């Protein structure tokens, strides 16, 4: 009788390890992934705002009359767009 109880306890322990632990690990991974997605979405929003602000500056008369400033802002926009594209790809991969 004792052997049956011990065997049953061992089986229950094995079942708990094989089922419960992976489920808990999946929940933690899912939470981490959701946090990462939120962080990426925040950074995407920040970059889009910066790009829009710089694009508005690019069209101002002051910048249009100063080719060095125009090129500087244009280069900055290009760099931010590259960062944005990288974040978008990361975001898509996590979806």
PDB file of N, CA and C in Angstrom:
ATOM      1  N   UNK A   1       0.815  -1.194   0.000  1.00  0.00           N
ATOM      2  CA  UNK A   1       0.000   0.000   0.000  1.00  0.00           C
ATOM      3  C   UNK A   1       0.859   1.259   0.000  1.00  0.00           C
ATOM      4  N   UNK A   2       1.944   1.231   0.788  1.00  0.00           N
ATOM      5  CA  UNK A   2       2.824   2.391   0.855  1.00  0.00           C
ATOM      6  C   UNK A   2       3.482   2.647  -0.500  1.00  0.00           C
ATOM      7  N   UNK A   3       3.821   1.586  -1.203  1.00  0.00           N
ATOM      8  CA  UNK A   3       4.467   1.733  -2.505  1.00  0.00           C
ATOM      9  C   UNK A   3       3.542   2.425  -3.488  1.00  0.00           C
ATOM     10  N   UNK A   4       2.235   2.103  -3.417  1.00  0.00           N
ATOM     11  CA  UNK A   4       1.267   2.746  -4.306  1.00  0.00           C
ATOM     12  C   UNK A   4       1.183   4.239  -4.017  1.00  0.00           C
ATOM     13  N   UNK A   5       1.153   4.611  -2.746  1.00  0.00           N
ATOM     14  CA  UNK A   5       1.086   6.021  -2.370  1.00  0.00           C
ATOM     15  C   UNK A   5       2.338   6.766  -2.814  1.00  0.00           C
ATOM     16  N   UNK A   6       3.483   6.153  -2.588  1.00  0.00           N
ATOM     17  CA  UNK A   6       4.747   6.771  -2.989  1.00  0.00           C
ATOM     18  C   UNK A   6       4.790   6.925  -4.504  1.00  0.00           C
ATOM     19  N   UNK A   7       4.400   5.889  -5.212  1.00  0.00           N
ATOM     20  CA  UNK A   7       4.373   5.931  -6.673  1.00  0.00           C
ATOM     21  C   UNK A   7       3.411   7.014  -7.156  1.00  0.00           C
ATOM     22  N   UNK A   8       2.257   7.105  -6.493  1.00  0.00           N
ATOM     23  CA  UNK A   8       1.279   8.120  -6.861  1.00  0.00           C
ATOM     24  C   UNK A   8       1.840   9.527  -6.610  1.00  0.00           C
ATOM     25  N   UNK A   9       2.514   9.727  -5.490  1.00  0.00           N
ATOM     26  CA  UNK A   9       3.122  11.028  -5.180  1.00  0.00           C
ATOM     27  C   UNK A   9       4.220  11.384  -6.185  1.00  0.00           C
ATOM     28  N   UNK A  10       5.003  10.401  -6.545  1.00  0.00           N
ATOM     29  CA  UNK A  10       6.054  10.627  -7.537  1.00  0.00           C
ATOM     30  C   UNK A  10       5.440  11.014  -8.876  1.00  0.00           C
ATOM     31  N   UNK A  11       4.399  10.318  -9.273  1.00  0.00           N
ATOM     32  CA  UNK A  11       3.719  10.632 -10.534  1.00  0.00           C
ATOM     33  C   UNK A  11       3.142  12.042 -10.507  1.00  0.00           C
ATOM     34  N   UNK A  12       2.536  12.399  -9.371  1.00  0.00           N
ATOM     35  CA  UNK A  12       1.975  13.749  -9.248  1.00  0.00           C
ATOM     36  C   UNK A  12       3.068  14.809  -9.314  1.00  0.00           C
ATOM     37  N   UNK A  13       4.202  14.537  -8.709  1.00  0.00           N
ATOM     38  CA  UNK A  13       5.320  15.478  -8.727  1.00  0.00           C
ATOM     39  C   UNK A  13       5.851  15.647 -10.150  1.00  0.00           C
ATOM     40  N   UNK A  14       5.992  14.535 -10.844  1.00  0.00           N
ATOM     41  CA  UNK A  14       6.462  14.587 -12.233  1.00  0.00           C
ATOM     42  C   UNK A  14       5.472  15.362 -13.091  1.00  0.00           C
ATOM     43  N   UNK A  15       4.209  15.109 -12.890  1.00  0.00           N
ATOM     44  CA  UNK A  15       3.173  15.816 -13.638  1.00  0.00           C
ATOM     45  C   UNK A  15       3.232  17.315 -13.346  1.00  0.00           C
ATOM     46  N   UNK A  16       3.401  17.671 -12.086  1.00  0.00           N
ATOM     47  CA  UNK A  16       3.484  19.079 -11.709  1.00  0.00           C
ATOM     48  C   UNK A  16       4.675  19.750 -12.380  1.00  0.00           C
ATOM     49  N   UNK A  17       5.780  19.063 -12.393  1.00  0.00           N
ATOM     50  CA  UNK A  17       6.991  19.628 -13.005  1.00  0.00           C
ATOM     51  C   UNK A  17       6.829  19.769 -14.510  1.00  0.00           C
ATOM     52  N   UNK A  18       6.225  18.799 -15.149  1.00  0.00           N
ATOM     53  CA  UNK A  18       6.116  18.831 -16.603  1.00  0.00           C
ATOM     54  C   UNK A  18       5.013  19.737 -17.111  1.00  0.00           C
ATOM     55  N   UNK A  19       4.023  20.033 -16.277  1.00  0.00           N
ATOM     56  CA  UNK A  19       2.900  20.848 -16.725  1.00  0.00           C
ATOM     57  C   UNK A  19       2.927  22.244 -16.114  1.00  0.00           C
ATOM     58  N   UNK A  20       3.041  22.314 -14.817  1.00  0.00           N
ATOM     59  CA  UNK A  20       2.924  23.599 -14.122  1.00  0.00           C
ATOM     60  C   UNK A  20       4.114  24.506 -14.379  1.00  0.00           C
ATOM     61  N   UNK A  21       5.304  23.995 -14.293  1.00  0.00           N
ATOM     62  CA  UNK A  21       6.482  24.840 -14.462  1.00  0.00           C
ATOM     63  C   UNK A  21       6.532  25.453 -15.858  1.00  0.00           C
ATOM     64  N   UNK A  22       6.327  24.680 -16.943  1.00  0.00           N
ATOM     65  CA  UNK A  22       6.325  25.329 -18.260  1.00  0.00           C
ATOM     66  C   UNK A  22       5.230  26.392 -18.401  1.00  0.00           C
ATOM     67  N   UNK A  23       4.077  26.176 -17.793  1.00  0.00           N
ATOM     68  CA  UNK A  23       3.003  27.160 -17.871  1.00  0.00           C
ATOM     69  C   UNK A  23       3.437  28.447 -17.176  1.00  0.00           C
ATOM     70  N   UNK A  24       4.038  28.326 -15.997  1.00  0.00           N
ATOM     71  CA  UNK A  24       4.525  29.503 -15.276  1.00  0.00           C
ATOM     72  C   UNK A  24       5.624  30.205 -16.064  1.00  0.00           C
ATOM     73  N   UNK A  25       6.515  29.442 -16.657  1.00  0.00           N
ATOM     74  CA  UNK A  25       7.587  30.031 -17.464  1.00  0.00           C
ATOM     75  C   UNK A  25       7.007  30.762 -18.663  1.00  0.00           C
ATOM     76  N   UNK A  26       5.971  30.186 -19.263  1.00  0.00           N
ATOM     77  CA  UNK A  26       5.325  30.823 -20.415  1.00  0.00           C
ATOM     78  C   UNK A  26       4.674  32.137 -19.999  1.00  0.00           C
ATOM     79  N   UNK A  27       4.061  32.160 -18.813  1.00  0.00           N
ATOM     80  CA  UNK A  27       3.444  33.404 -18.334  1.00  0.00           C
ATOM     81  C   UNK A  27       4.490  34.481 -18.132  1.00  0.00           C
ATOM     82  N   UNK A  28       5.640  34.109 -17.562  1.00  0.00           N
ATOM     83  CA  UNK A  28       6.717  35.074 -17.351  1.00  0.00           C
ATOM     84  C   UNK A  28       7.244  35.585 -18.681  1.00  0.00           C
ATOM     85  N   UNK A  29       7.436  34.673 -19.625  1.00  0.00           N
ATOM     86  CA  UNK A  29       7.921  35.055 -20.946  1.00  0.00           C
ATOM     87  C   UNK A  29       6.921  35.982 -21.625  1.00  0.00           C
ATOM     88  N   UNK A  30       5.643  35.642 -21.520  1.00  0.00           N
ATOM     89  CA  UNK A  30       4.597  36.455 -22.131  1.00  0.00           C
ATOM     90  C   UNK A  30       4.589  37.857 -21.524  1.00  0.00           C
ATOM     91  N   UNK A  31       4.744  37.944 -20.213  1.00  0.00           N
ATOM     92  CA  UNK A  31       4.768  39.239 -19.523  1.00  0.00           C
ATOM     93  C   UNK A  31       5.982  40.048 -19.984  1.00  0.00           C
ATOM     94  N   UNK A  32       7.134  39.387 -20.088  1.00  0.00           N
ATOM     95  CA  UNK A  32       8.346  40.064 -20.551  1.00  0.00           C
ATOM     96  C   UNK A  32       8.157  40.556 -21.986  1.00  0.00           C
ATOM     97  N   UNK A  33       7.548  39.722 -22.810  1.00  0.00           N
ATOM     98  CA  UNK A  33       7.322  40.082 -24.202  1.00  0.00           C
ATOM     99  C   UNK A  33       6.364  41.273 -24.299  1.00  0.00           C
ATOM    100  N   UNK A  34       5.313  41.262 -23.486  1.00  0.00           N
ATOM    101  CA  UNK A  34       4.368  42.378 -23.486  1.00  0.00           C
ATOM    102  C   UNK A  34       5.042  43.670 -23.046  1.00  0.00           C
ATOM    103  N   UNK A  35       5.907  43.583 -22.037  1.00  0.00           N
ATOM    104  CA  UNK A  35       6.636  44.767 -21.586  1.00  0.00           C
ATOM    105  C   UNK A  35       7.572  45.281 -22.676  1.00  0.00           C
ATOM    106  N   UNK A  36       8.214  44.353 -23.373  1.00  0.00           N
ATOM    107  CA  UNK A  36       9.117  44.748 -24.449  1.00  0.00           C
ATOM    108  C   UNK A  36       8.333  45.415 -25.585  1.00  0.00           C
ATOM    109  N   UNK A  37       7.171  44.875 -25.905  1.00  0.00           N
ATOM    110  CA  UNK A  37       6.328  45.457 -26.952  1.00  0.00           C
ATOM    111  C   UNK A  37       5.914  46.868 -26.567  1.00  0.00           C
ATOM    112  N   UNK A  38       5.505  47.054 -25.309  1.00  0.00           N
ATOM    113  CA  UNK A  38       5.100  48.389 -24.853  1.00  0.00           C
ATOM    114  C   UNK A  38       6.252  49.375 -24.940  1.00  0.00           C
ATOM    115  N   UNK A  39       7.443  48.931 -24.553  1.00  0.00           N
ATOM    116  CA  UNK A  39       8.628  49.792 -24.615  1.00  0.00           C
ATOM    117  C   UNK A  39       8.934  50.181 -26.066  1.00  0.00           C
ATOM    118  N   UNK A  40       8.851  49.214 -26.953  1.00  0.00           N
ATOM    119  CA  UNK A  40       9.106  49.483 -28.371  1.00  0.00           C
ATOM    120  C   UNK A  40       8.060  50.455 -28.921  1.00  0.00           C
ATOM    121  N   UNK A  41       6.790  50.242 -28.563  1.00  0.00           N
ATOM    122  CA  UNK A  41       5.731  51.132 -29.041  1.00  0.00           C
ATOM    123  C   UNK A  41       5.942  52.562 -28.543  1.00  0.00           C
ATOM    124  N   UNK A  42       6.398  52.707 -27.315  1.00  0.00           N
ATOM    125  CA  UNK A  42       6.696  54.034 -26.769  1.00  0.00           C
ATOM    126  C   UNK A  42       7.833  54.676 -27.549  1.00  0.00           C
ATOM    127  N   UNK A  43       8.881  53.908 -27.804  1.00  0.00           N
ATOM    128  CA  UNK A  43      10.027  54.443 -28.556  1.00  0.00           C
ATOM    129  C   UNK A  43       9.645  54.786 -29.993  1.00  0.00           C
ATOM    130  N   UNK A  44       8.774  53.997 -30.592  1.00  0.00           N
ATOM    131  CA  UNK A  44       8.283  54.285 -31.941  1.00  0.00           C
ATOM    132  C   UNK A  44       7.554  55.623 -31.947  1.00  0.00           C
ATOM    133  N   UNK A  45       6.711  55.816 -30.970  1.00  0.00           N
ATOM    134  CA  UNK A  45       5.951  57.070 -30.860  1.00  0.00           C
ATOM    135  C   UNK A  45       6.880  58.273 -30.694  1.00  0.00           C
ATOM    136  N   UNK A  46       7.896  58.115 -29.867  1.00  0.00           N
ATOM    137  CA  UNK A  46       8.872  59.198 -29.649  1.00  0.00           C
ATOM    138  C   UNK A  46       9.595  59.526 -30.948  1.00  0.00           C
ATOM    139  N   UNK A  47      10.040  58.501 -31.649  1.00  0.00           N
ATOM    140  CA  UNK A  47      10.750  58.724 -32.917  1.00  0.00           C
ATOM    141  C   UNK A  47       9.850  59.385 -33.950  1.00  0.00           C
ATOM    142  N   UNK A  48       8.603  58.943 -34.031  1.00  0.00           N
ATOM    143  CA  UNK A  48       7.669  59.546 -34.996  1.00  0.00           C
ATOM    144  C   UNK A  48       7.448  61.020 -34.689  1.00  0.00           C
ATOM    145  N   UNK A  49       7.357  61.354 -33.417  1.00  0.00           N
ATOM    146  CA  UNK A  49       7.189  62.752 -33.022  1.00  0.00           C
ATOM    147  C   UNK A  49       8.410  63.572 -33.408  1.00  0.00           C
ATOM    148  N   UNK A  50       9.594  63.041 -33.147  1.00  0.00           N
ATOM    149  CA  UNK A  50      10.836  63.747 -33.505  1.00  0.00           C
ATOM    150  C   UNK A  50      10.923  63.954 -35.017  1.00  0.00           C
ATOM    151  N   UNK A  51      10.581  62.914 -35.765  1.00  0.00           N
ATOM    152  CA  UNK A  51      10.635  63.004 -37.230  1.00  0.00           C
ATOM    153  C   UNK A  51       9.663  64.069 -37.728  1.00  0.00           C
ATOM    154  N   UNK A  52       8.455  64.065 -37.191  1.00  0.00           N
ATOM    155  CA  UNK A  52       7.457  65.063 -37.601  1.00  0.00           C
ATOM    156  C   UNK A  52       7.915  66.483 -37.267  1.00  0.00           C
ATOM    157  N   UNK A  53       8.484  66.662 -36.088  1.00  0.00           N
ATOM    158  CA  UNK A  53       8.973  67.979 -35.679  1.00  0.00           C
ATOM    159  C   UNK A  53      10.090  68.454 -36.611  1.00  0.00           C
ATOM    160  N   UNK A  54      11.029  67.566 -36.894  1.00  0.00           N
ATOM    161  CA  UNK A  54      12.133  67.929 -37.783  1.00  0.00           C
ATOM    162  C   UNK A  54      11.654  68.188 -39.211  1.00  0.00           C
ATOM    163  N   UNK A  55      10.668  67.431 -39.655  1.00  0.00           N
ATOM    164  CA  UNK A  55      10.120  67.634 -40.999  1.00  0.00           C
ATOM    165  C   UNK A  55       9.466  69.005 -41.097  1.00  0.00           C
ATOM    166  N   UNK A  56       8.772  69.410 -40.047  1.00  0.00           N
ATOM    167  CA  UNK A  56       8.185  70.756 -40.028  1.00  0.00           C
ATOM    168  C   UNK A  56       9.280  71.818 -40.091  1.00  0.00           C
ATOM    169  N   UNK A  57      10.350  71.610 -39.326  1.00  0.00           N
ATOM    170  CA  UNK A  57      11.468  72.550 -39.351  1.00  0.00           C
ATOM    171  C   UNK A  57      12.099  72.607 -40.742  1.00  0.00           C
ATOM    172  N   UNK A  58      12.155  71.461 -41.381  1.00  0.00           N
ATOM    173  CA  UNK A  58      12.759  71.366 -42.708  1.00  0.00           C
ATOM    174  C   UNK A  58      12.045  72.265 -43.711  1.00  0.00           C
ATOM    175  N   UNK A  59      10.749  72.447 -43.525  1.00  0.00           N
ATOM    176  CA  UNK A  59       9.956  73.244 -44.450  1.00  0.00           C
ATOM    177  C   UNK A  59       9.850  74.717 -44.055  1.00  0.00           C
ATOM    178  N   UNK A  60      10.507  75.060 -42.965  1.00  0.00           N
ATOM    179  CA  UNK A  60      10.462  76.471 -42.553  1.00  0.00           C
ATOM    180  C   UNK A  60      11.350  77.301 -43.477  1.00  0.00           C
ATOM    181  N   UNK A  61      11.018  78.545 -43.611  1.00  0.00           N
ATOM    182  CA  UNK A  61      11.765  79.449 -44.494  1.00  0.00           C
ATOM    183  C   UNK A  61      13.212  79.592 -44.041  1.00  0.00           C
ATOM    184  N   UNK A  62      13.404  79.647 -42.737  1.00  0.00           N
ATOM    185  CA  UNK A  62      14.758  79.788 -42.187  1.00  0.00           C
ATOM    186  C   UNK A  62      15.669  78.638 -42.625  1.00  0.00           C
ATOM    187  N   UNK A  63      15.148  77.427 -42.536  1.00  0.00           N
ATOM    188  CA  UNK A  63      15.940  76.241 -42.896  1.00  0.00           C
ATOM    189  C   UNK A  63      16.090  76.132 -44.406  1.00  0.00           C
ATOM    190  N   UNK A  64      15.041  76.462 -45.142  1.00  0.00           N
ATOM    191  CA  UNK A  64      15.115  76.399 -46.601  1.00  0.00           C
ATOM    192  C   UNK A  64      16.166  77.350 -47.156  1.00  0.00           C
ATOM    193  N   UNK A  65      16.449  78.416 -46.436  1.00  0.00           N
ATOM    194  CA  UNK A  65      17.450  79.394 -46.878  1.00  0.00           C
ATOM    195  C   UNK A  65      18.847  79.078 -46.371  1.00  0.00           C
ATOM    196  N   UNK A  66      19.003  78.049 -45.599  1.00  0.00           N
ATOM    197  CA  UNK A  66      20.305  77.675 -45.039  1.00  0.00           C
ATOM    198  C   UNK A  66      20.576  76.211 -45.390  1.00  0.00           C
ATOM    199  N   UNK A  67      21.331  75.997 -46.485  1.00  0.00           N
ATOM    200  CA  UNK A  67      21.511  74.635 -46.983  1.00  0.00           C
ATOM    201  C   UNK A  67      22.238  73.732 -45.974  1.00  0.00           C
ATOM    202  N   UNK A  68      23.144  74.288 -45.160  1.00  0.00           N
ATOM    203  CA  UNK A  68      23.834  73.457 -44.171  1.00  0.00           C
ATOM    204  C   UNK A  68      22.854  72.962 -43.105  1.00  0.00           C
ATOM    205  N   UNK A  69      22.019  73.851 -42.647  1.00  0.00           N
ATOM    206  CA  UNK A  69      21.020  73.471 -41.655  1.00  0.00           C
ATOM    207  C   UNK A  69      20.032  72.478 -42.265  1.00  0.00           C
ATOM    208  N   UNK A  70      19.663  72.737 -43.509  1.00  0.00           N
ATOM    209  CA  UNK A  70      18.748  71.839 -44.213  1.00  0.00           C
ATOM    210  C   UNK A  70      19.341  70.430 -44.293  1.00  0.00           C
ATOM    211  N   UNK A  71      20.607  70.341 -44.700  1.00  0.00           N
ATOM    212  CA  UNK A  71      21.269  69.036 -44.814  1.00  0.00           C
ATOM    213  C   UNK A  71      21.418  68.352 -43.452  1.00  0.00           C
ATOM    214  N   UNK A  72      21.717  69.140 -42.433  1.00  0.00           N
ATOM    215  CA  UNK A  72      21.868  68.602 -41.094  1.00  0.00           C
ATOM    216  C   UNK A  72      20.545  67.984 -40.614  1.00  0.00           C
ATOM    217  N   UNK A  73      19.471  68.717 -40.780  1.00  0.00           N
ATOM    218  CA  UNK A  73      18.155  68.222 -40.352  1.00  0.00           C
ATOM    219  C   UNK A  73      17.747  67.016 -41.199  1.00  0.00           C
ATOM    220  N   UNK A  74      18.011  67.087 -42.485  1.00  0.00           N
ATOM    221  CA  UNK A  74      17.672  65.973 -43.372  1.00  0.00           C
ATOM    222  C   UNK A  74      18.436  64.705 -42.975  1.00  0.00           C
ATOM    223  N   UNK A  75      19.715  64.855 -42.638  1.00  0.00           N
ATOM    224  CA  UNK A  75      20.511  63.709 -42.184  1.00  0.00           C
ATOM    225  C   UNK A  75      19.960  63.136 -40.877  1.00  0.00           C
ATOM    226  N   UNK A  76      19.558  64.032 -39.982  1.00  0.00           N
ATOM    227  CA  UNK A  76      19.000  63.592 -38.710  1.00  0.00           C
ATOM    228  C   UNK A  76      17.689  62.824 -38.913  1.00  0.00           C
ATOM    229  N   UNK A  77      16.880  63.321 -39.834  1.00  0.00           N
ATOM    230  CA  UNK A  77      15.624  62.628 -40.154  1.00  0.00           C
ATOM    231  C   UNK A  77      15.921  61.232 -40.707  1.00  0.00           C
ATOM    232  N   UNK A  78      16.892  61.131 -41.574  1.00  0.00           N
ATOM    233  CA  UNK A  78      17.257  59.825 -42.149  1.00  0.00           C
ATOM    234  C   UNK A  78      17.704  58.851 -41.067  1.00  0.00           C
ATOM    235  N   UNK A  79      18.511  59.337 -40.137  1.00  0.00           N
ATOM    236  CA  UNK A  79      18.980  58.487 -39.041  1.00  0.00           C
ATOM    237  C   UNK A  79      17.812  58.025 -38.165  1.00  0.00           C
ATOM    238  N   UNK A  80      16.929  58.942 -37.848  1.00  0.00           N
ATOM    239  CA  UNK A  80      15.766  58.590 -37.031  1.00  0.00           C
ATOM    240  C   UNK A  80      14.848  57.606 -37.762  1.00  0.00           C
ATOM    241  N   UNK A  81      14.708  57.776 -39.077  1.00  0.00           N
ATOM    242  CA  UNK A  81      13.888  56.847 -39.861  1.00  0.00           C
ATOM    243  C   UNK A  81      14.489  55.444 -39.867  1.00  0.00           C
ATOM    244  N   UNK A  82      15.826  55.365 -39.914  1.00  0.00           N
ATOM    245  CA  UNK A  82      16.486  54.054 -39.836  1.00  0.00           C
ATOM    246  C   UNK A  82      16.209  53.393 -38.490  1.00  0.00           C
ATOM    247  N   UNK A  83      16.308  54.185 -37.411  1.00  0.00           N
ATOM    248  CA  UNK A  83      16.015  53.664 -36.080  1.00  0.00           C
ATOM    249  C   UNK A  83      14.553  53.214 -35.997  1.00  0.00           C
ATOM    250  N   UNK A  84      13.677  54.013 -36.584  1.00  0.00           N
ATOM    251  CA  UNK A  84      12.246  53.693 -36.583  1.00  0.00           C
ATOM    252  C   UNK A  84      11.984  52.377 -37.318  1.00  0.00           C
ATOM    253  N   UNK A  85      12.607  52.206 -38.463  1.00  0.00           N
ATOM    254  CA  UNK A  85      12.436  50.968 -39.237  1.00  0.00           C
ATOM    255  C   UNK A  85      12.914  49.752 -38.445  1.00  0.00           C
ATOM    256  N   UNK A  86      14.025  49.902 -37.746  1.00  0.00           N
ATOM    257  CA  UNK A  86      14.551  48.810 -36.929  1.00  0.00           C
ATOM    258  C   UNK A  86      13.566  48.443 -35.823  1.00  0.00           C
ATOM    259  N   UNK A  87      13.022  49.465 -35.165  1.00  0.00           N
ATOM    260  CA  UNK A  87      12.042  49.211 -34.103  1.00  0.00           C
ATOM    261  C   UNK A  87      10.771  48.577 -34.645  1.00  0.00           C
ATOM    262  N   UNK A  88      10.340  49.016 -35.821  1.00  0.00           N
ATOM    263  CA  UNK A  88       9.133  48.448 -36.435  1.00  0.00           C
ATOM    264  C   UNK A  88       9.338  46.963 -36.744  1.00  0.00           C
ATOM    265  N   UNK A  89      10.518  46.618 -37.232  1.00  0.00           N
ATOM    266  CA  UNK A  89      10.806  45.223 -37.530  1.00  0.00           C
ATOM    267  C   UNK A  89      10.823  44.388 -36.244  1.00  0.00           C
ATOM    268  N   UNK A  90      11.406  44.962 -35.189  1.00  0.00           N
ATOM    269  CA  UNK A  90      11.426  44.290 -33.888  1.00  0.00           C
ATOM    270  C   UNK A  90       9.994  44.078 -33.387  1.00  0.00           C
ATOM    271  N   UNK A  91       9.183  45.125 -33.501  1.00  0.00           N
ATOM    272  CA  UNK A  91       7.799  45.080 -33.046  1.00  0.00           C
ATOM    273  C   UNK A  91       7.025  43.998 -33.807  1.00  0.00           C
ATOM    274  N   UNK A  92       7.197  43.964 -35.136  1.00  0.00           N
ATOM    275  CA  UNK A  92       6.512  42.960 -35.951  1.00  0.00           C
ATOM    276  C   UNK A  92       6.936  41.537 -35.564  1.00  0.00           C
ATOM    277  N   UNK A  93       8.214  41.357 -35.261  1.00  0.00           N
ATOM    278  CA  UNK A  93       8.704  40.031 -34.906  1.00  0.00           C
ATOM    279  C   UNK A  93       8.108  39.546 -33.581  1.00  0.00           C
ATOM    280  N   UNK A  94       7.762  40.474 -32.705  1.00  0.00           N
ATOM    281  CA  UNK A  94       7.201  40.101 -31.404  1.00  0.00           C
ATOM    282  C   UNK A  94       5.691  39.872 -31.451  1.00  0.00           C
ATOM    283  N   UNK A  95       5.058  40.260 -32.541  1.00  0.00           N
ATOM    284  CA  UNK A  95       3.591  40.107 -32.652  1.00  0.00           C
ATOM    285  C   UNK A  95       3.213  38.690 -32.945  1.00  0.00           C
TER     286      UNK A  95
END
